[in-house]
PDB file of N, CA and C in Angstrom:
ATOM      1  N   UNK A   1       0.893  -1.153   0.116  1.00  0.00           N
ATOM      2  CA  UNK A   1      -0.390  -0.157   0.143  1.00  0.00           C
ATOM      3  C   UNK A   1       0.646   1.663  -0.053  1.00  0.00           C
ATOM      4  N   UNK A   2       2.115   1.117   0.381  1.00  0.00           N
ATOM      5  CA  UNK A   2       2.808   2.158   1.208  1.00  0.00           C
ATOM      6  C   UNK A   2       3.625   2.498  -0.320  1.00  0.00           C
ATOM      7  N   UNK A   3       3.491   1.573  -1.539  1.00  0.00           N
ATOM      8  CA  UNK A   3       4.274   1.961  -2.952  1.00  0.00           C
ATOM      9  C   UNK A   3       2.971   2.893  -3.349  1.00  0.00           C
ATOM     10  N   UNK A   4       1.754   2.107  -3.494  1.00  0.00           N
ATOM     11  CA  UNK A   4       0.542   3.127  -4.229  1.00  0.00           C
ATOM     12  C   UNK A   4       0.441   4.289  -3.552  1.00  0.00           C
ATOM     13  N   UNK A   5       0.738   4.800  -2.454  1.00  0.00           N
ATOM     14  CA  UNK A   5       0.820   5.851  -2.076  1.00  0.00           C
ATOM     15  C   UNK A   5       1.838   6.535  -2.612  1.00  0.00           C
ATOM     16  N   UNK A   6       3.633   5.971  -2.487  1.00  0.00           N
ATOM     17  CA  UNK A   6       3.995   6.952  -3.037  1.00  0.00           C
ATOM     18  C   UNK A   6       3.902   7.585  -4.579  1.00  0.00           C
ATOM     19  N   UNK A   7       3.415   6.285  -5.447  1.00  0.00           N
ATOM     20  CA  UNK A   7       3.083   6.894  -6.367  1.00  0.00           C
ATOM     21  C   UNK A   7       1.873   8.094  -7.235  1.00  0.00           C
ATOM     22  N   UNK A   8       1.616   8.055  -6.053  1.00  0.00           N
ATOM     23  CA  UNK A   8      -0.006   8.779  -6.161  1.00  0.00           C
ATOM     24  C   UNK A   8       0.594  10.523  -5.465  1.00  0.00           C
ATOM     25  N   UNK A   9       0.948  10.438  -4.896  1.00  0.00           N
ATOM     26  CA  UNK A   9       2.126  11.676  -4.486  1.00  0.00           C
ATOM     27  C   UNK A   9       2.837  12.252  -4.888  1.00  0.00           C
ATOM     28  N   UNK A  10       3.433  11.280  -6.090  1.00  0.00           N
ATOM     29  CA  UNK A  10       4.581  11.204  -7.013  1.00  0.00           C
ATOM     30  C   UNK A  10       3.707  12.316  -7.878  1.00  0.00           C
ATOM     31  N   UNK A  11       2.460  11.300  -8.856  1.00  0.00           N
ATOM     32  CA  UNK A  11       1.863  12.274  -9.626  1.00  0.00           C
ATOM     33  C   UNK A  11       1.389  13.190  -9.188  1.00  0.00           C
ATOM     34  N   UNK A  12       0.570  13.630  -8.326  1.00  0.00           N
ATOM     35  CA  UNK A  12       0.038  14.658  -7.950  1.00  0.00           C
ATOM     36  C   UNK A  12       1.575  16.155  -8.133  1.00  0.00           C
ATOM     37  N   UNK A  13       2.584  15.731  -7.785  1.00  0.00           N
ATOM     38  CA  UNK A  13       3.583  16.500  -7.182  1.00  0.00           C
ATOM     39  C   UNK A  13       3.424  16.943  -8.354  1.00  0.00           C
ATOM     40  N   UNK A  14       3.635  15.807  -9.546  1.00  0.00           N
ATOM     41  CA  UNK A  14       3.949  16.401 -10.995  1.00  0.00           C
ATOM     42  C   UNK A  14       2.948  17.117 -12.009  1.00  0.00           C
ATOM     43  N   UNK A  15       1.686  16.873 -11.609  1.00  0.00           N
ATOM     44  CA  UNK A  15       0.920  17.807 -12.095  1.00  0.00           C
ATOM     45  C   UNK A  15       0.746  19.184 -11.059  1.00  0.00           C
ATOM     46  N   UNK A  16       1.476  19.661  -9.937  1.00  0.00           N
ATOM     47  CA  UNK A  16       1.527  21.217  -9.153  1.00  0.00           C
ATOM     48  C   UNK A  16       2.446  21.201 -10.184  1.00  0.00           C
ATOM     49  N   UNK A  17       3.740  20.920 -10.057  1.00  0.00           N
ATOM     50  CA  UNK A  17       5.380  21.539 -10.803  1.00  0.00           C
ATOM     51  C   UNK A  17       4.365  21.863 -12.374  1.00  0.00           C
ATOM     52  N   UNK A  18       3.387  20.731 -13.230  1.00  0.00           N
ATOM     53  CA  UNK A  18       3.221  21.126 -14.333  1.00  0.00           C
ATOM     54  C   UNK A  18       2.535  22.518 -14.648  1.00  0.00           C
ATOM     55  N   UNK A  19       2.001  22.047 -13.508  1.00  0.00           N
ATOM     56  CA  UNK A  19       1.051  23.982 -13.864  1.00  0.00           C
ATOM     57  C   UNK A  19       1.607  25.346 -13.651  1.00  0.00           C
ATOM     58  N   UNK A  20       2.718  24.762 -13.073  1.00  0.00           N
ATOM     59  CA  UNK A  20       3.440  26.547 -12.174  1.00  0.00           C
ATOM     60  C   UNK A  20       4.755  26.561 -14.126  1.00  0.00           C
ATOM     61  N   UNK A  21       4.296  25.798 -15.456  1.00  0.00           N
ATOM     62  CA  UNK A  21       5.431  25.624 -16.210  1.00  0.00           C
ATOM     63  C   UNK A  21       4.743  26.767 -17.194  1.00  0.00           C
ATOM     64  N   UNK A  22       6.370  27.238 -17.573  1.00  0.00           N
ATOM     65  CA  UNK A  22       5.392  29.075 -18.607  1.00  0.00           C
ATOM     66  C   UNK A  22       5.365  28.230 -20.360  1.00  0.00           C
ATOM     67  N   UNK A  23       5.094  27.979 -20.860  1.00  0.00           N
ATOM     68  CA  UNK A  23       4.789  27.512 -21.714  1.00  0.00           C
ATOM     69  C   UNK A  23       5.111  28.134 -23.213  1.00  0.00           C
ATOM     70  N   UNK A  24       5.769  28.213 -23.905  1.00  0.00           N
ATOM     71  CA  UNK A  24       6.310  29.340 -25.234  1.00  0.00           C
ATOM     72  C   UNK A  24       5.238  29.005 -26.028  1.00  0.00           C
ATOM     73  N   UNK A  25       4.789  30.584 -26.649  1.00  0.00           N
ATOM     74  CA  UNK A  25       3.693  30.947 -27.441  1.00  0.00           C
ATOM     75  C   UNK A  25       4.594  29.900 -28.884  1.00  0.00           C
ATOM     76  N   UNK A  26       3.422  29.855 -29.880  1.00  0.00           N
ATOM     77  CA  UNK A  26       4.362  29.295 -30.655  1.00  0.00           C
ATOM     78  C   UNK A  26       5.175  29.932 -31.717  1.00  0.00           C
ATOM     79  N   UNK A  27       5.138  31.566 -31.828  1.00  0.00           N
ATOM     80  CA  UNK A  27       5.979  32.299 -33.026  1.00  0.00           C
ATOM     81  C   UNK A  27       7.150  32.296 -32.268  1.00  0.00           C
ATOM     82  N   UNK A  28       7.313  32.031 -30.235  1.00  0.00           N
ATOM     83  CA  UNK A  28       8.737  32.022 -29.881  1.00  0.00           C
ATOM     84  C   UNK A  28       8.902  30.873 -29.876  1.00  0.00           C
ATOM     85  N   UNK A  29       8.280  29.879 -30.460  1.00  0.00           N
ATOM     86  CA  UNK A  29       9.030  28.578 -30.891  1.00  0.00           C
ATOM     87  C   UNK A  29       9.205  28.239 -32.360  1.00  0.00           C
ATOM     88  N   UNK A  30       9.284  28.882 -33.084  1.00  0.00           N
ATOM     89  CA  UNK A  30       9.658  29.435 -34.543  1.00  0.00           C
ATOM     90  C   UNK A  30      10.668  29.955 -34.178  1.00  0.00           C
ATOM     91  N   UNK A  31      10.508  31.000 -33.410  1.00  0.00           N
ATOM     92  CA  UNK A  31      11.726  31.876 -33.217  1.00  0.00           C
ATOM     93  C   UNK A  31      13.072  31.104 -33.067  1.00  0.00           C
ATOM     94  N   UNK A  32      12.477  30.364 -31.781  1.00  0.00           N
ATOM     95  CA  UNK A  32      13.920  29.603 -31.050  1.00  0.00           C
ATOM     96  C   UNK A  32      14.336  28.409 -32.338  1.00  0.00           C
ATOM     97  N   UNK A  33      13.013  28.146 -32.619  1.00  0.00           N
ATOM     98  CA  UNK A  33      13.348  26.860 -33.740  1.00  0.00           C
ATOM     99  C   UNK A  33      14.999  27.245 -34.286  1.00  0.00           C
ATOM    100  N   UNK A  34      14.063  28.454 -35.467  1.00  0.00           N
ATOM    101  CA  UNK A  34      15.081  29.045 -36.689  1.00  0.00           C
ATOM    102  C   UNK A  34      16.919  28.826 -35.790  1.00  0.00           C
ATOM    103  N   UNK A  35      16.717  30.269 -34.749  1.00  0.00           N
ATOM    104  CA  UNK A  35      17.761  30.242 -34.429  1.00  0.00           C
ATOM    105  C   UNK A  35      18.528  28.941 -33.575  1.00  0.00           C
ATOM    106  N   UNK A  36      18.085  28.257 -33.658  1.00  0.00           N
ATOM    107  CA  UNK A  36      18.820  26.244 -33.691  1.00  0.00           C
ATOM    108  C   UNK A  36      18.763  25.768 -35.008  1.00  0.00           C
ATOM    109  N   UNK A  37      18.380  26.179 -35.802  1.00  0.00           N
ATOM    110  CA  UNK A  37      18.419  25.209 -37.593  1.00  0.00           C
ATOM    111  C   UNK A  37      19.423  26.167 -37.597  1.00  0.00           C
ATOM    112  N   UNK A  38      19.492  27.888 -37.701  1.00  0.00           N
ATOM    113  CA  UNK A  38      20.698  28.226 -38.094  1.00  0.00           C
ATOM    114  C   UNK A  38      21.789  28.269 -37.200  1.00  0.00           C
ATOM    115  N   UNK A  39      21.814  28.377 -36.049  1.00  0.00           N
ATOM    116  CA  UNK A  39      23.103  27.734 -35.633  1.00  0.00           C
ATOM    117  C   UNK A  39      24.092  26.450 -36.121  1.00  0.00           C
ATOM    118  N   UNK A  40      22.777  25.447 -35.871  1.00  0.00           N
ATOM    119  CA  UNK A  40      23.554  23.859 -36.319  1.00  0.00           C
ATOM    120  C   UNK A  40      24.023  24.202 -38.140  1.00  0.00           C
ATOM    121  N   UNK A  41      23.446  25.152 -38.657  1.00  0.00           N
ATOM    122  CA  UNK A  41      24.133  25.028 -39.881  1.00  0.00           C
ATOM    123  C   UNK A  41      25.554  25.511 -40.153  1.00  0.00           C
ATOM    124  N   UNK A  42      25.634  26.874 -39.099  1.00  0.00           N
ATOM    125  CA  UNK A  42      26.681  27.574 -39.308  1.00  0.00           C
ATOM    126  C   UNK A  42      27.546  26.447 -38.577  1.00  0.00           C
ATOM    127  N   UNK A  43      27.754  25.759 -37.462  1.00  0.00           N
ATOM    128  CA  UNK A  43      28.286  25.050 -36.742  1.00  0.00           C
ATOM    129  C   UNK A  43      29.308  23.683 -37.890  1.00  0.00           C
ATOM    130  N   UNK A  44      28.130  23.108 -38.636  1.00  0.00           N
ATOM    131  CA  UNK A  44      28.537  22.366 -39.765  1.00  0.00           C
ATOM    132  C   UNK A  44      29.456  22.661 -40.796  1.00  0.00           C
ATOM    133  N   UNK A  45      28.971  23.684 -41.198  1.00  0.00           N
ATOM    134  CA  UNK A  45      29.965  24.543 -42.527  1.00  0.00           C
ATOM    135  C   UNK A  45      31.333  24.991 -41.868  1.00  0.00           C
ATOM    136  N   UNK A  46      30.965  25.380 -40.696  1.00  0.00           N
ATOM    137  CA  UNK A  46      32.679  25.246 -39.533  1.00  0.00           C
ATOM    138  C   UNK A  46      33.185  24.121 -39.473  1.00  0.00           C
ATOM    139  N   UNK A  47      32.771  22.783 -38.823  1.00  0.00           N
ATOM    140  CA  UNK A  47      33.394  21.551 -39.100  1.00  0.00           C
ATOM    141  C   UNK A  47      33.659  21.169 -39.910  1.00  0.00           C
ATOM    142  N   UNK A  48      32.836  21.085 -41.320  1.00  0.00           N
ATOM    143  CA  UNK A  48      33.471  20.457 -42.252  1.00  0.00           C
ATOM    144  C   UNK A  48      34.958  21.346 -42.974  1.00  0.00           C
ATOM    145  N   UNK A  49      34.521  22.733 -42.853  1.00  0.00           N
ATOM    146  CA  UNK A  49      35.798  23.626 -43.182  1.00  0.00           C
ATOM    147  C   UNK A  49      36.399  23.273 -42.918  1.00  0.00           C
ATOM    148  N   UNK A  50      36.753  23.129 -41.206  1.00  0.00           N
ATOM    149  CA  UNK A  50      38.357  22.363 -39.937  1.00  0.00           C
ATOM    150  C   UNK A  50      38.856  21.451 -41.013  1.00  0.00           C
ATOM    151  N   UNK A  51      37.707  20.345 -41.230  1.00  0.00           N
ATOM    152  CA  UNK A  51      37.910  18.977 -41.290  1.00  0.00           C
ATOM    153  C   UNK A  51      39.298  18.840 -42.437  1.00  0.00           C
ATOM    154  N   UNK A  52      38.527  19.551 -43.443  1.00  0.00           N
ATOM    155  CA  UNK A  52      38.305  19.920 -45.212  1.00  0.00           C
ATOM    156  C   UNK A  52      39.898  20.004 -44.821  1.00  0.00           C
ATOM    157  N   UNK A  53      40.103  21.279 -43.575  1.00  0.00           N
ATOM    158  CA  UNK A  53      41.749  21.516 -43.784  1.00  0.00           C
ATOM    159  C   UNK A  53      42.855  20.666 -43.392  1.00  0.00           C
ATOM    160  N   UNK A  54      42.250  19.999 -42.217  1.00  0.00           N
ATOM    161  CA  UNK A  54      43.424  18.984 -41.527  1.00  0.00           C
ATOM    162  C   UNK A  54      43.587  17.955 -42.190  1.00  0.00           C
ATOM    163  N   UNK A  55      42.136  17.799 -43.705  1.00  0.00           N
ATOM    164  CA  UNK A  55      42.756  16.671 -44.557  1.00  0.00           C
ATOM    165  C   UNK A  55      43.851  17.069 -45.092  1.00  0.00           C
ATOM    166  N   UNK A  56      43.534  18.611 -45.414  1.00  0.00           N
ATOM    167  CA  UNK A  56      44.745  18.708 -46.172  1.00  0.00           C
ATOM    168  C   UNK A  56      46.163  18.952 -45.740  1.00  0.00           C
ATOM    169  N   UNK A  57      46.357  19.281 -44.950  1.00  0.00           N
ATOM    170  CA  UNK A  57      47.561  19.736 -44.015  1.00  0.00           C
ATOM    171  C   UNK A  57      48.249  17.828 -43.698  1.00  0.00           C
ATOM    172  N   UNK A  58      47.617  16.914 -43.029  1.00  0.00           N
ATOM    173  CA  UNK A  58      47.821  15.874 -42.805  1.00  0.00           C
ATOM    174  C   UNK A  58      48.358  15.043 -44.161  1.00  0.00           C
ATOM    175  N   UNK A  59      47.598  15.591 -45.294  1.00  0.00           N
ATOM    176  CA  UNK A  59      47.489  14.870 -46.511  1.00  0.00           C
ATOM    177  C   UNK A  59      49.566  15.822 -46.851  1.00  0.00           C
ATOM    178  N   UNK A  60      49.329  16.401 -47.359  1.00  0.00           N
ATOM    179  CA  UNK A  60      50.363  17.326 -47.585  1.00  0.00           C
ATOM    180  C   UNK A  60      52.046  17.068 -46.410  1.00  0.00           C
ATOM    181  N   UNK A  61      51.737  16.625 -45.264  1.00  0.00           N
ATOM    182  CA  UNK A  61      52.829  15.797 -44.395  1.00  0.00           C
ATOM    183  C   UNK A  61      53.314  14.711 -44.825  1.00  0.00           C
ATOM    184  N   UNK A  62      52.244  13.648 -45.172  1.00  0.00           N
ATOM    185  CA  UNK A  62      52.701  12.580 -45.634  1.00  0.00           C
ATOM    186  C   UNK A  62      53.148  12.498 -46.852  1.00  0.00           C
ATOM    187  N   UNK A  63      52.694  12.885 -47.763  1.00  0.00           N
ATOM    188  CA  UNK A  63      53.513  13.096 -49.216  1.00  0.00           C
ATOM    189  C   UNK A  63      54.811  13.642 -49.403  1.00  0.00           C
ATOM    190  N   UNK A  64      54.935  14.913 -48.029  1.00  0.00           N
ATOM    191  CA  UNK A  64      56.348  15.455 -48.139  1.00  0.00           C
ATOM    192  C   UNK A  64      57.656  14.365 -48.181  1.00  0.00           C
ATOM    193  N   UNK A  65      56.935  13.353 -47.480  1.00  0.00           N
ATOM    194  CA  UNK A  65      58.561  12.777 -47.086  1.00  0.00           C
ATOM    195  C   UNK A  65      58.658  11.796 -48.619  1.00  0.00           C
TER     196      UNK A  65
END
């Protein structure tokens, strides 16, 4: 019976905390999503560029011998 009471209290606590959550509006969500997508694309391009440069340098070092 103690397990049932603990589970019941947990569910009640979760419901109480969820009522305090401030959910974003649709426009805020779209704006945040756009920022995340833009940053992800910029980071991917940077990583790709750094990889290409490092690959070129390693190739040049290995073929110089």
